[in-house]
Each structure stands twice: as structure tokens, then as C-alpha cells.
Protein backbone atom coordinates (compact mmCIF):
# COMPACT_ATOMS: atom_id res chain seq x y z
CA MET A 1 -36.50 -23.57 -8.63
CA ILE A 2 -38.36 -24.47 -12.21
CA ILE A 3 -41.95 -23.30 -11.53
CA ASN A 4 -44.56 -24.06 -13.84
CA ILE A 5 -47.79 -21.84 -13.60
CA ALA A 6 -50.82 -23.13 -15.52
CA THR A 7 -54.47 -21.15 -15.92
CA SER A 8 -56.82 -20.22 -18.47
CA GLY A 9 -56.96 -16.66 -19.17
CA ARG A 10 -54.83 -14.21 -17.69
CA PHE A 11 -56.14 -13.45 -14.32
CA HIS A 12 -53.83 -12.81 -11.46
CA LEU A 13 -51.48 -15.84 -12.59
CA LEU A 14 -49.83 -13.99 -15.44
CA ASP A 15 -48.67 -11.32 -12.64
CA LEU A 16 -47.41 -14.03 -10.63
CA ALA A 17 -45.51 -15.92 -13.44
CA ARG A 18 -43.74 -12.28 -14.13
CA GLU A 19 -43.00 -11.68 -10.66
CA LEU A 20 -41.39 -14.74 -10.19
CA GLU A 21 -39.57 -14.62 -13.34
CA LYS A 22 -38.16 -11.63 -11.83
CA CYS A 23 -37.13 -13.49 -8.47
CA GLY A 24 -34.68 -15.58 -10.45
CA HIS A 25 -36.72 -18.83 -10.93
CA ASP A 26 -37.17 -20.53 -14.27
CA VAL A 27 -41.03 -19.97 -15.07
CA HIS A 28 -43.30 -21.61 -17.88
CA PHE A 29 -46.89 -20.12 -18.07
CA TYR A 30 -49.24 -22.19 -19.50
CA SER A 31 -52.80 -20.84 -20.58
CA TYR A 32 -54.63 -19.63 -23.97
CA VAL A 33 -53.71 -16.41 -23.63
CA PRO A 34 -51.58 -15.16 -26.91
CA SER A 35 -48.20 -14.89 -26.05
CA SER A 36 -48.15 -11.82 -27.91
CA ARG A 37 -50.75 -10.31 -25.50
CA ALA A 38 -49.33 -11.84 -22.36
CA VAL A 39 -45.72 -10.13 -23.38
CA LYS A 40 -47.55 -6.87 -23.22
CA PHE A 41 -47.92 -7.45 -19.57
CA GLY A 42 -44.46 -7.79 -18.96
CA ILE A 43 -43.88 -11.45 -18.94
CA PRO A 44 -40.38 -12.48 -21.07
CA ARG A 45 -41.61 -14.57 -24.07
CA LYS A 46 -39.15 -17.33 -23.36
CA CYS A 47 -41.63 -18.13 -20.28
CA CYS A 48 -44.91 -18.13 -22.58
CA HIS A 49 -46.27 -21.30 -23.51
CA SER A 50 -49.88 -20.43 -25.34
CA LEU A 51 -51.95 -23.45 -25.92
CA LEU A 52 -54.61 -21.41 -27.87
CA TRP A 53 -54.25 -23.28 -30.77
CA ALA A 54 -55.63 -26.41 -29.10
CA ILE A 55 -58.55 -24.24 -27.04
CA ALA A 56 -59.79 -22.55 -30.33
CA PRO A 57 -62.24 -24.99 -31.70
CA PHE A 58 -63.80 -24.86 -28.34
CA LEU A 59 -63.57 -21.20 -27.74
CA ALA A 60 -65.50 -21.01 -31.34
CA LEU A 61 -68.23 -23.49 -30.37
CA HIS A 62 -68.63 -21.24 -27.28
CA ARG A 63 -69.74 -18.43 -29.27
CA LEU A 64 -72.06 -20.62 -31.47
CA PHE A 65 -73.43 -22.59 -28.39
CA PRO A 66 -72.93 -20.29 -25.24
CA LYS A 67 -75.34 -22.64 -23.05
CA GLN A 68 -73.60 -25.91 -23.58
CA GLU A 69 -72.06 -27.09 -20.39
CA TRP A 70 -70.55 -30.03 -22.33
CA ILE A 71 -68.34 -27.55 -24.34
CA SER A 72 -67.10 -26.18 -20.98
CA ARG A 73 -66.43 -29.50 -19.81
CA TRP A 74 -64.71 -30.96 -22.87
CA GLN A 75 -62.53 -27.76 -23.26
CA THR A 76 -61.49 -28.03 -19.74
CA SER A 77 -60.56 -31.52 -19.58
CA TRP A 78 -58.40 -31.19 -22.89
CA MET A 79 -56.55 -28.43 -21.27
CA ASP A 80 -56.10 -30.06 -18.03
CA PHE A 81 -54.48 -33.08 -20.51
CA LEU A 82 -52.48 -30.85 -22.84
CA VAL A 83 -50.77 -29.37 -19.89
CA GLY A 84 -50.46 -32.28 -17.87
CA ARG A 85 -48.47 -33.86 -21.07
CA LEU A 86 -46.67 -31.27 -22.51
CA MET A 87 -45.38 -29.21 -19.26
CA LYS A 88 -41.58 -29.25 -18.84
CA PRO A 89 -40.08 -30.94 -15.49
CA CYS A 90 -40.36 -28.68 -12.87
CA ASP A 91 -39.84 -28.37 -9.13
CA VAL A 92 -43.16 -26.42 -8.38
CA PHE A 93 -46.54 -26.53 -10.24
CA ILE A 94 -49.03 -24.05 -9.75
CA ALA A 95 -52.38 -24.01 -11.32
CA ILE A 96 -55.63 -22.03 -10.85
CA SER A 97 -58.36 -23.98 -9.03
CA ASP A 98 -60.82 -26.67 -10.55
CA LEU A 99 -59.14 -26.33 -14.14
CA PHE A 100 -56.65 -28.62 -13.31
CA ASP A 101 -56.74 -31.83 -12.08
CA TYR A 102 -54.89 -34.49 -14.22
CA ALA A 103 -52.29 -31.79 -14.40
CA HIS A 104 -51.50 -31.92 -10.74
CA ILE A 105 -51.02 -35.71 -10.33
CA MET A 106 -48.63 -35.77 -13.27
CA ALA A 107 -46.61 -32.87 -12.10
CA LYS A 108 -46.13 -35.10 -8.97
CA LYS A 109 -46.39 -38.42 -10.55
CA ARG A 110 -43.20 -37.38 -13.30
CA PHE A 111 -41.45 -34.79 -11.63
CA GLY A 112 -41.72 -35.03 -7.71
CA ALA A 113 -43.07 -31.60 -7.81
CA ILE A 114 -44.81 -29.41 -5.07
CA THR A 115 -48.21 -28.99 -6.05
CA ILE A 116 -50.19 -25.61 -5.51
CA CYS A 117 -53.49 -24.44 -6.18
CA GLU A 118 -54.54 -21.16 -6.94
CA ARG A 119 -58.26 -20.31 -5.14
CA GLY A 120 -59.58 -16.65 -5.55
CA SER A 121 -62.40 -17.07 -3.80
CA MET A 122 -63.59 -18.34 -0.42
CA HIS A 123 -64.33 -22.31 -0.11
CA ALA A 124 -66.25 -23.37 -2.86
CA GLU A 125 -68.72 -24.77 -0.70
CA GLU A 126 -69.73 -21.63 1.05
CA VAL A 127 -69.84 -19.66 -2.40
CA LYS A 128 -72.29 -22.53 -3.59
CA LYS A 129 -74.40 -21.85 -0.44
CA ILE A 130 -74.40 -17.81 -1.03
CA CYS A 131 -74.76 -18.19 -4.88
CA LEU A 132 -77.92 -20.52 -4.14
CA SER A 133 -79.34 -18.07 -2.19
CA ASN A 134 -79.97 -15.62 -4.41
CA PRO A 135 -84.02 -14.83 -3.78
CA ASP A 136 -84.55 -14.51 -7.65
CA GLU A 137 -84.15 -17.75 -9.51
CA ALA A 138 -83.83 -16.23 -13.01
CA THR A 139 -80.57 -14.99 -12.19
CA ARG A 140 -79.43 -17.66 -9.31
CA ALA A 141 -76.61 -19.04 -10.60
CA TYR A 142 -73.39 -21.29 -9.90
CA ALA A 143 -70.62 -23.59 -11.50
CA PRO A 144 -72.31 -26.98 -12.67
CA ASP A 145 -71.72 -30.13 -10.11
CA TRP A 146 -69.22 -31.34 -12.26
CA PHE A 147 -66.74 -28.16 -11.55
CA HIS A 148 -67.97 -28.15 -8.18
CA GLN A 149 -66.63 -31.49 -7.30
CA ARG A 150 -63.73 -30.95 -9.46
CA GLU A 151 -62.53 -27.93 -7.31
CA LEU A 152 -63.08 -29.69 -3.94
CA HIS A 153 -61.07 -32.52 -5.48
CA ASN A 154 -58.41 -29.89 -6.05
CA TYR A 155 -58.25 -28.88 -2.57
CA GLN A 156 -57.44 -32.60 -1.43
CA ILE A 157 -54.85 -33.77 -4.12
CA CYS A 158 -52.53 -30.59 -4.14
CA ASP A 159 -50.01 -29.89 -1.32
CA TYR A 160 -50.98 -26.07 -0.86
CA ILE A 161 -53.64 -23.82 -1.21
CA SER A 162 -52.86 -20.23 -1.97
CA ILE A 163 -55.63 -17.58 -0.97
CA PRO A 164 -55.65 -13.72 -1.04
CA ALA A 165 -57.51 -12.94 2.40
CA ARG A 166 -57.75 -14.13 6.06
CA HIS A 167 -61.74 -14.37 5.61
CA VAL A 168 -61.06 -16.99 3.15
CA ARG A 169 -58.69 -18.82 5.23
CA GLU A 170 -61.23 -19.31 7.91
CA SER A 171 -63.88 -20.33 5.31
CA PHE A 172 -61.45 -23.42 4.42
CA ILE A 173 -60.89 -23.76 8.34
CA ARG A 174 -64.43 -24.28 8.44
CA ASN A 175 -64.89 -27.04 5.95
CA GLY A 176 -61.78 -28.89 7.03
CA ILE A 177 -58.89 -28.04 5.12
CA PRO A 178 -55.83 -28.22 7.45
CA GLU A 179 -54.56 -24.55 8.48
CA ASN A 180 -50.85 -25.69 7.48
CA LYS A 181 -51.98 -26.40 4.01
CA LEU A 182 -53.19 -22.58 3.03
CA PHE A 183 -50.81 -19.78 2.23
CA VAL A 184 -52.58 -16.32 2.61
CA ASN A 185 -50.95 -13.90 0.09
CA SER A 186 -52.89 -10.45 -0.62
CA TYR A 187 -53.44 -9.42 -4.41
CA GLY A 188 -50.78 -6.58 -6.10
CA VAL A 189 -51.67 -3.81 -7.98
CA ASP A 190 -49.86 -2.11 -11.30
CA LEU A 191 -48.32 1.00 -9.51
CA LYS A 192 -47.08 2.30 -12.90
CA MET A 193 -50.99 2.08 -14.43
CA PHE A 194 -52.90 3.05 -11.20
CA PHE A 195 -51.69 6.27 -8.77
CA SER A 196 -52.64 9.07 -7.54
CA ALA A 197 -53.14 11.60 -10.99
CA PRO A 198 -54.23 15.52 -10.27
CA VAL A 199 -57.70 15.66 -10.87
CA ASP A 200 -58.84 18.99 -12.96
CA THR A 201 -62.26 19.39 -12.18
CA LYS A 202 -64.70 17.90 -9.14
CA PRO A 203 -65.19 14.09 -9.78
CA ALA A 204 -68.63 13.89 -11.58
CA TYR A 205 -69.72 10.52 -9.73
CA ASP A 206 -70.13 10.35 -5.77
CA VAL A 207 -69.41 6.35 -5.91
CA ILE A 208 -68.11 4.15 -8.53
CA PHE A 209 -68.29 0.05 -8.96
CA VAL A 210 -65.59 -1.81 -11.37
CA GLY A 211 -66.71 -5.20 -12.27
CA GLY A 212 -69.52 -7.62 -13.33
CA TRP A 213 -72.88 -6.22 -12.56
CA ARG A 214 -74.44 -9.10 -10.44
CA TRP A 215 -76.28 -9.91 -7.27
CA GLU A 216 -73.24 -11.79 -5.95
CA LYS A 217 -71.37 -8.30 -6.11
CA GLY A 218 -73.80 -7.18 -3.86
CA CYS A 219 -74.87 -4.69 -6.65
CA ASP A 220 -78.81 -5.08 -5.40
CA LEU A 221 -77.88 -3.40 -2.26
CA LEU A 222 -75.49 -0.57 -4.11
CA ILE A 223 -78.46 0.47 -5.91
CA GLN A 224 -81.13 0.66 -2.93
CA ALA A 225 -78.16 2.50 -0.81
CA CYS A 226 -77.58 5.08 -3.79
CA ARG A 227 -81.25 5.76 -4.01
CA GLU A 228 -81.89 6.22 -0.58
CA LEU A 229 -79.16 8.75 0.07
CA GLY A 230 -79.60 10.45 -3.43
CA LEU A 231 -75.85 9.49 -4.84
CA SER A 232 -74.91 9.46 -8.21
CA LEU A 233 -73.03 5.96 -9.28
CA LEU A 234 -70.66 4.78 -12.14
CA HIS A 235 -70.26 1.41 -13.54
CA ALA A 236 -67.39 -0.16 -15.56
CA GLY A 237 -67.96 -3.56 -16.28
CA SER A 238 -70.36 -5.93 -17.91
CA ILE A 239 -74.28 -6.51 -17.13
CA VAL A 240 -74.44 -9.98 -15.84
CA ASN A 241 -77.58 -11.21 -13.69
CA LEU A 242 -79.08 -7.87 -12.39
CA PRO A 243 -80.59 -5.24 -14.70
CA PHE A 244 -78.80 -1.87 -14.18
CA PRO A 245 -80.97 0.89 -13.10
CA LYS A 246 -82.37 3.63 -15.70
CA ASP A 247 -82.15 6.10 -12.91
CA GLU A 248 -80.56 9.58 -14.38
CA LYS A 249 -77.86 9.32 -11.57
CA PHE A 250 -76.78 5.82 -12.61
CA HIS A 251 -74.81 5.23 -15.57
CA SER A 252 -72.70 2.50 -16.99
CA LEU A 253 -69.67 2.51 -19.11
CA GLY A 254 -69.91 -1.13 -20.42
CA HIS A 255 -66.77 -3.34 -20.29
CA VAL A 256 -63.41 -0.62 -20.40
CA ASP A 257 -60.25 -1.95 -21.16
CA GLN A 258 -57.96 -1.98 -18.12
CA THR A 259 -56.05 0.55 -19.64
CA GLN A 260 -58.64 2.98 -19.44
CA LEU A 261 -59.58 2.26 -15.84
CA PRO A 262 -57.39 5.04 -14.26
CA GLN A 263 -59.13 7.75 -16.02
CA VAL A 264 -62.23 6.02 -15.01
CA TYR A 265 -61.38 5.96 -11.34
CA GLN A 266 -60.85 9.84 -11.07
CA MET A 267 -64.30 10.36 -12.35
CA ALA A 268 -65.57 9.24 -8.83
CA ARG A 269 -65.24 10.36 -4.84
CA VAL A 270 -65.31 6.89 -3.59
CA PHE A 271 -65.46 3.22 -4.66
CA ALA A 272 -67.43 0.65 -3.19
CA ILE A 273 -67.70 -2.99 -3.64
CA PRO A 274 -70.57 -4.88 -1.18
CA SER A 275 -69.84 -8.56 -2.52
CA ARG A 276 -71.49 -10.96 -0.73
CA GLN A 277 -68.63 -13.60 -1.90
CA GLU A 278 -65.28 -12.31 -2.88
CA GLY A 279 -61.82 -13.71 -2.23
CA MET A 280 -60.12 -10.12 -2.61
CA ALA A 281 -61.46 -8.16 -5.50
CA LEU A 282 -58.29 -6.79 -7.57
CA VAL A 283 -59.95 -3.64 -8.15
CA GLN A 284 -59.85 -2.26 -4.47
CA ALA A 285 -56.07 -1.91 -4.51
CA GLN A 286 -56.48 -0.51 -8.16
CA ALA A 287 -59.08 1.93 -6.40
CA LEU A 288 -56.70 2.75 -3.28
CA ALA A 289 -53.61 3.43 -5.67
CA SER A 290 -55.85 5.91 -7.65
CA GLY A 291 -56.42 7.57 -4.45
CA LEU A 292 -59.83 6.67 -3.23
CA PRO A 293 -61.29 5.63 -0.20
CA ILE A 294 -63.07 2.31 -0.38
CA VAL A 295 -66.37 0.59 1.23
CA SER A 296 -65.85 -3.11 1.23
CA ALA A 297 -67.89 -5.77 2.38
CA PRO A 298 -67.01 -8.27 4.91
CA TYR A 299 -65.82 -10.78 2.24
CA CYS A 300 -64.17 -9.00 -0.17
CA GLY A 301 -60.56 -8.75 1.62
CA GLY A 302 -60.76 -5.31 2.42
CA ALA A 303 -59.36 -5.50 5.86
CA ASP A 304 -56.34 -6.84 4.69
CA LEU A 305 -55.49 -4.16 2.40
CA GLY A 306 -56.42 -1.69 5.01
CA ALA A 307 -53.84 -3.48 7.10
CA MET A 308 -50.84 -2.61 4.63
CA LEU A 309 -51.89 1.22 4.31
CA ASP A 310 -50.09 3.77 6.28
CA ASP A 311 -53.80 4.47 7.71
CA PRO A 312 -56.51 1.88 8.03
CA LYS A 313 -59.00 4.56 7.99
CA TRP A 314 -59.22 4.69 3.99
CA VAL A 315 -60.86 0.86 4.08
CA VAL A 316 -63.90 1.64 5.37
CA GLN A 317 -65.69 -2.06 5.99
CA MET A 318 -69.43 -2.78 6.31
CA GLN A 319 -70.80 -4.10 9.30
CA SER A 320 -73.05 -6.72 7.66
CA LEU A 321 -74.17 -7.20 4.22
CA THR A 322 -77.34 -4.58 4.47
CA VAL A 323 -78.82 -1.91 2.90
CA GLU A 324 -78.21 0.29 6.25
CA SER A 325 -74.68 -0.82 6.79
CA LEU A 326 -73.94 -0.18 3.33
CA LYS A 327 -75.35 3.55 3.40
CA GLN A 328 -73.39 4.06 6.98
CA ALA A 329 -70.31 2.89 5.55
CA LEU A 330 -71.09 5.21 2.18
CA GLN A 331 -71.75 8.33 4.40
CA GLN A 332 -68.38 7.92 6.13
CA THR A 333 -66.56 7.56 3.08
CA LEU A 334 -67.81 10.39 1.68
CA LYS A 335 -66.90 12.67 4.46
CA LEU A 336 -63.21 10.69 4.45
CA ALA A 337 -63.14 11.78 0.58
CA ALA A 338 -64.15 15.58 1.49
CA THR A 339 -61.02 15.86 3.66
CA GLN A 340 -58.71 14.86 0.81
CA SER A 341 -56.15 17.45 -1.04
CA PHE A 342 -55.51 16.88 -4.45
CA PRO A 343 -53.82 14.92 -6.06
CA ARG A 344 -55.35 12.23 -4.24
CA ARG A 345 -53.23 10.35 -2.08
CA ILE A 346 -53.88 7.17 0.08
CA MET A 347 -50.39 5.85 1.06
CA THR A 348 -46.77 6.70 0.47
CA GLU A 349 -44.95 5.73 -2.66
CA LYS A 350 -42.23 3.73 -0.15
CA ASN A 351 -45.40 1.85 1.16
CA ALA A 352 -46.91 1.11 -1.96
CA GLN A 353 -44.16 -0.20 -3.40
CA GLU A 354 -43.39 -2.51 -0.22
CA LYS A 355 -47.05 -3.77 0.52
CA LEU A 356 -49.29 -3.01 -2.50
CA SER A 357 -47.52 -3.77 -5.60
CA TRP A 358 -47.44 -7.05 -7.56
CA SER A 359 -43.37 -6.61 -6.80
CA ALA A 360 -44.29 -7.16 -3.07
CA TYR A 361 -46.88 -9.82 -4.04
CA GLY A 362 -44.01 -11.72 -6.12
CA LYS A 363 -41.49 -11.69 -3.21
CA ARG A 364 -44.15 -12.58 -0.41
CA TYR A 365 -44.72 -15.72 -2.92
CA ASP A 366 -41.05 -16.40 -3.30
CA ALA A 367 -40.25 -16.56 0.50
CA PHE A 368 -42.96 -18.74 0.75
CA LEU A 369 -41.72 -21.54 -2.02
CA ARG A 370 -38.06 -21.31 -0.26
CA THR A 371 -39.30 -22.13 2.63
CA ILE A 372 -41.59 -25.03 1.52
CA VAL A 373 -39.00 -26.44 -0.60
CA ARG A 374 -36.28 -26.09 2.39
CA LEU A 375 -39.32 -28.30 4.40
CA ARG A 376 -39.58 -30.86 1.84
């Protein structure tokens, strides 16, 4: 079948496009990722339709006026319009949530396509409540109302919503979305890049956190838990809306290119992500593939990943979003890490390929698409 996939940056949709093309579909990937960069992640050049030429002026304006919301609105609307008008005829249109609205409508109107909204987090209403519950007004943030309403409209106009975890599905059902409209498919990981490698020396840090350092990710809980347990922590990623501690045992590497992350994971004993809202953080699968046991909050998709493992004990889920619960989970996970031999291995290669890889993710998506096309 012919499948159009639309996004802004790479996200997981580039991986989806690559894997669906491998499954034999005619895939067209629309984004403002340069084609030369997209090709480096394995997608054939013939699939790439970069609209960077049209979006570049807005990206330049963002650099000059980073706080101007109108620039984001016009950029989103322009990208949406271009994809809606320029996309090739298709059987299925898949687009990341909140950025595409007109394109969904045009895919249906022009081609009679099945439309799928890709949502990486919980239902937007629940995410909004969580973000606005931040007690610090200075760091409290959520998407402007224009984007929020656009997101909610996406849920209504698309035929299906693709989500990465069971807890995300429950959040949509609680907010009135029919269960038969939801497709749950856990994200994959590049097993050629992330794997259990021999470690010559003892890891320098007890805990690693990868991603934006922010309140929404539960980094305030992580700071307090590590301080009270006397644990060292390594961070890789940008500092967003929470100050990074100046304690001697805390160290941030700043932004790290994905190609360097495999070495970074080997620097710590366990991975932790006590996020208050998440769909399924991609870094969890990366950590597992690298041989690290993980601590996951109830809203990170860790339970779904644990169900894929030969032995689910390597994913320890916090019982609640509290410092005490995080401390207990960290202590339990560090004990597990102490039982490992090197190279660290969480799952067999066969199990990883069949369940945790991007190839497995793509095959599950392919089976879903073939089913809904038959039912139509």
C-alpha cells in the first residue's frame, strides 16, 4: 500500500517510515529533516520529501525571537498546508499529533485515505493537568491553547490514534476516546547502536538520566532521592526548566549526540526516569539494550517494556510518584545491578530482535495496517 508519513523533526516517525518501507510498502516521508540526514538513519532517499526549504525562514525567526508564539503557529500552519497540498496519493496517512490538521482532512478528501494520528504521550487533557500542577510558576509550562485545541481536534478527525503504552490507552479511554480507535505499539530501539558491550572498569556513576532536565520528567524527585541515598548521578541532555545541582556527585554532560549515547550508558550502573507524564521514553529501551536495569515511573511505559523481557525483574516500577517510592526502587535496582556479570545482558539477542527492535515495531504496525485496510 502507499503510505504518507508526516512530522516536523525526525522523532520515531522516521524509524516507522524506514521499517514500513522494508515491509514492502511505498512510503513517502514528509518533514523538514534534510534528506541527507534522514538517509543516515537508514531511510531510502526515494522516500524523503524534505520541506526544509519552505520552513527555513520560520526556523530563522525562532532563533531571533524564541518566545514569539505566533511564529510557531504560522510555521505549523504552513507546514500543514504544504503537506496537505503537496503529498502524493496514498492509502494511509500517518502524522504526528497537533502539527497536522488540514493534511488529515485533505488525505481523506483527495484520496479517501485512512488517517492515523501518532501521539507519543498521554491524552492532552491529562498532560495539561500534570504540567499545570507544577508548584513553581517560574518553570510551569504547557503548550499554548492554540496547539492544545489543535491536538484535541486531531483525536476527533483521524480514524485511529497510535500510542506507545497501555497507560496511555487508559488515559484516552478516560477522556472519552473509544478503545477501538486506539492502537498500542511500543517503540523500538536500534540494536546495532545500543547493545551490551564489555565494560573494562567499574561504572563511574550509580544512576544515569538521559533527556531534558525538567520538572515534568521528575528530576526534582531524582535530585532528592540521590542526595538522601548518597548516590552519584550522570545526566545527558539539555537543561530545560529545573536547575541542575552543583553537588559533587552530580554531573551533566549537556546535549549528547545519539551516536555517543552507547558509551554514555556504560558509565552508570542503573537508569532511572521518574517522569510525571510520558508515553514511552525511547531512552528506556536504549538503556535496556545497553544492559542497564531501569527504574520507571508508572507513566513511562516501563511496564510494557518489562513484559517484553525474558525476565521482567530488570524493570523496576515505582509504586507512586514520591521520593520514598523512588528511593526504594533505586535501592532494589542497584542490588539487581550488583548481580550482573559482564558484559551486562538483560535479554537474549533473539528476544531483543523479536520484541524490542525497530524491526519488530514496524512489523507490528504493518500487521495493524493490513488489518484495518481489510476491515474497511
